[in-house]
């Protein structure tokens, strides 16, 4: 590790003194009112400084395009902390403005390199240049938003600047190439504080790395419970009166998506002329999907809508929601479906297995099995009681995993990250 640490070394005595520096913040105990929580951090600094400064490091370039400056898509990260620094690592053409102050208390740094292996060195150089001041390294906490490159950058920076670090695990550790998975597991074991997307992933990490004590799911917020009542609406039935049963698919029509698989799964069910398969989405493969439906002689029952102004009304009025994609966008559709109380047939993933652990909430199919998916759809079509039971159960799941109070969510999110400071102090005193 020493050969990489040398990149950050400097003869400046102010930088050398950082090696003896320790953060002195502690978590405040006791209840916190909403007014206090929104005006000051949960940390009670021992110094005169009254800010909690956090540096997020990520390889997710999509964050560059988020106009609301959020990490979760819903809540402005500046509402959770008093000062936020976000460093995005990417390959390609260098950004015209690598350092941007996107709001009063939020800064965005874009680190660009020609190759992945160059990114850590560029990132450390950017930290030295932009985040080291007369009083030392500015952030109190460094958070890696994803594994491997971001985790490596944060781990080394935390060691050099003597700052607490935290790793966010956004996917299963072993669903990678063998070498990358090995390096990711090694880096994961170096962190004292880890946050995951699901409880199953947290258990998996704790079993593999017994020395890690601060490992738990990261609080998540979605406002779907406020947008759905759980009652079925009649939007689709009013729009397409020639049908009386609707299976809904929402996703992109690309050559790598599962739209073709979805059409194959419903082909036998659409032999019933009163059943419609509504597909919402856009992409280059829309024409091919329609031709496939024509070849299967179900073209008149496959309805493709490229733009729907109110997708929520479609989800809440569907008799069955079919989710065959496994990406993050599909996970959002799953959560919307749960909040809407829609009976769902879906391709199973680690995240969905964690959300819907009980078998009487949704119907999960492994490995996009067309026969099992078709059987599940046919069973729901024929069993009205089962559909009503799934509506009730999945709505209960949504109420248990989706918080409604955004203020409480912000406090929980901030507490979860700042717990890394407490863990760091306990291990260094």
Foldseek 3Di string as FASTA:
>chain_A
DVVLLVLLDDPPVLLVCLLVDAFQWDFDDDDDDLVRQQPFPRIDGPDPDGFAEEEEEEQPPVCVVDLLCDPFNPDHLCSQGVAYEYEHEYEDDDDPDQWDDSDPRYIYGYFYDNDLVCRLSSVSVCQVVPQQDSNGGHHQEYEYAEFDSSLVSRLSVCNSSVHFYEYEYEAALPPDPPVSSVVRLVSLLSHQAYEYQFQVSQVVNCVVRVNHDHYYHFAHADQLLVVAVLAADCPVCVVCVQADAEEEEEDEQDPPFCLQLVCLLCLVVVVPVRYAYEYEAYDPCPVVSLVVCVVSVNNVRYHYDHDDPCVLNVLLNHQEYEQEGDDPVSVVVLLNNLSSLHAYEYADDPSVCRLPVDCLQHHYDYPSDSVVSSVVVVVSVVDVPSSVSNSVRSNVSSVVRHDNDVSVSSSSNSVSRCVSSVSSVVVPD
